Amino acid sequence: MNNINDKLLDNYAKRLLADYDNKTPGTIFKENIKITIPQAWEIQSKVARLREIRGEKIVGYKIGCTLKSGNQNRIGISHPAWGGLWENEQHKNGEILEKDNYSNPSMEAEFGIILSRDLNKNNFSFEYLQNSIETVHPIIEIHNLVFHGKPPHGPELLANNAIHAGVVFGKAVKNLIWDAKTDLNLVYDGQIVDSWEDKKWSQDMYSDIEWLLNELSKINKSLKKGDLILIGAFGPPIPIEENEFIEVKSSLIGEVNAKFI
């Protein structure tokens, strides 16, 4: 076990928030900081509390790294990751955003749900979750895809809000058939850069949201009516580099786009 105490974790959290404000996320990890997975979760929670104290609001959560053979193995964790979705990082379909506000801006195509009621983990079941979904949306998830420390990057990712940097969400769809299949395309300047066929829109949503509920309960938080939940992407974030017009397209759930200048 390392010798990092709560005072040092507070210091790391303040510095991570300063990095966020300066649009240079995670630079404290250039110092080869060594933290455990539980300490990384604690830092993320401390940063969130600091943001809430100054008036920012969490409006939902992302669930990422859901595939053991994918991102989990790459970054060295044995479970999914979650991060908060912040009100000031929510963007509407068709918005124009500035690349300078991000660090190596990278996108994932995915789906999000908005809850129709507070979720009680003690009542949780397939039917309960199905009846708790108000709408489904096509989503562009924005990431700051940058790691400054040495691999594996799991603790750095978790401490830095799962490298989440914002959401662009499309029009609402209601009453989708559970496990209905769809295609999903991530498109940069008219060219498909990632694509999936015959995928269930709800994928492993039941088990992932059950996991998230249990994790949030450890820090006295829960999922509330109106929360937006990103239910996990099929692929890793892809840097946009010189591209500008970003689209996510699903024949079942619809389209969403944004322009990065």
Foldseek 3Di string as FASTA:
>chain_A
DDDDDPVVLLVVLVVQLVCLVVQNHPPVQLVVDDDDQVSLLVSLVSNVVVCVVVPKDFQAKEKEPCDCVAPCVQQPHDHIAMFTAIPVQEAEFAAEAAPSSAALKWKFKAKKFAFQFFDDLVPADPVVVVVGTAWMWTKIWIFRPDDNHDGSCNSSCSNNRNRTRHMYTYDTDPDDDFQDFKKKFKDFPRHTPDIDGRGGNCHPQSVRQSVVQVVQVVVPDGDGHGGMYTRYGPHDIDGNVPTFKIKMQIPVRGMGIYGYD
